[in-house]
Amino acid sequence: YDLVLMDVHLPGINGTEATSEIRKFNTSTPIIALTAISLNENREMLLSYGMDEVITKPFVPEEFYEILFKF
């Protein structure tokens, strides 16, 4: 994949666990977290699991595209 949009609250396994598992065999594909949790409180924690960027829902489409175009 060129890029992964990872919801933080997945059924069965959360996004941080899924990202940690992906990073065991793939360190190059960008993973962008999608979360409804406050960005100020959780950005560093999410990045520590191997995510490359964080987008807080709801988001402004222009800001979403700006982040996507980084990768």
Foldseek 3Di string as FASTA:
>chain_A
DQAAEAEQDDPPDGRLVVLLVCCVPDLPRAYEYEEQDDCVVPVVVSVVSRHDYYDHPPDDVVVVVVVVVVD
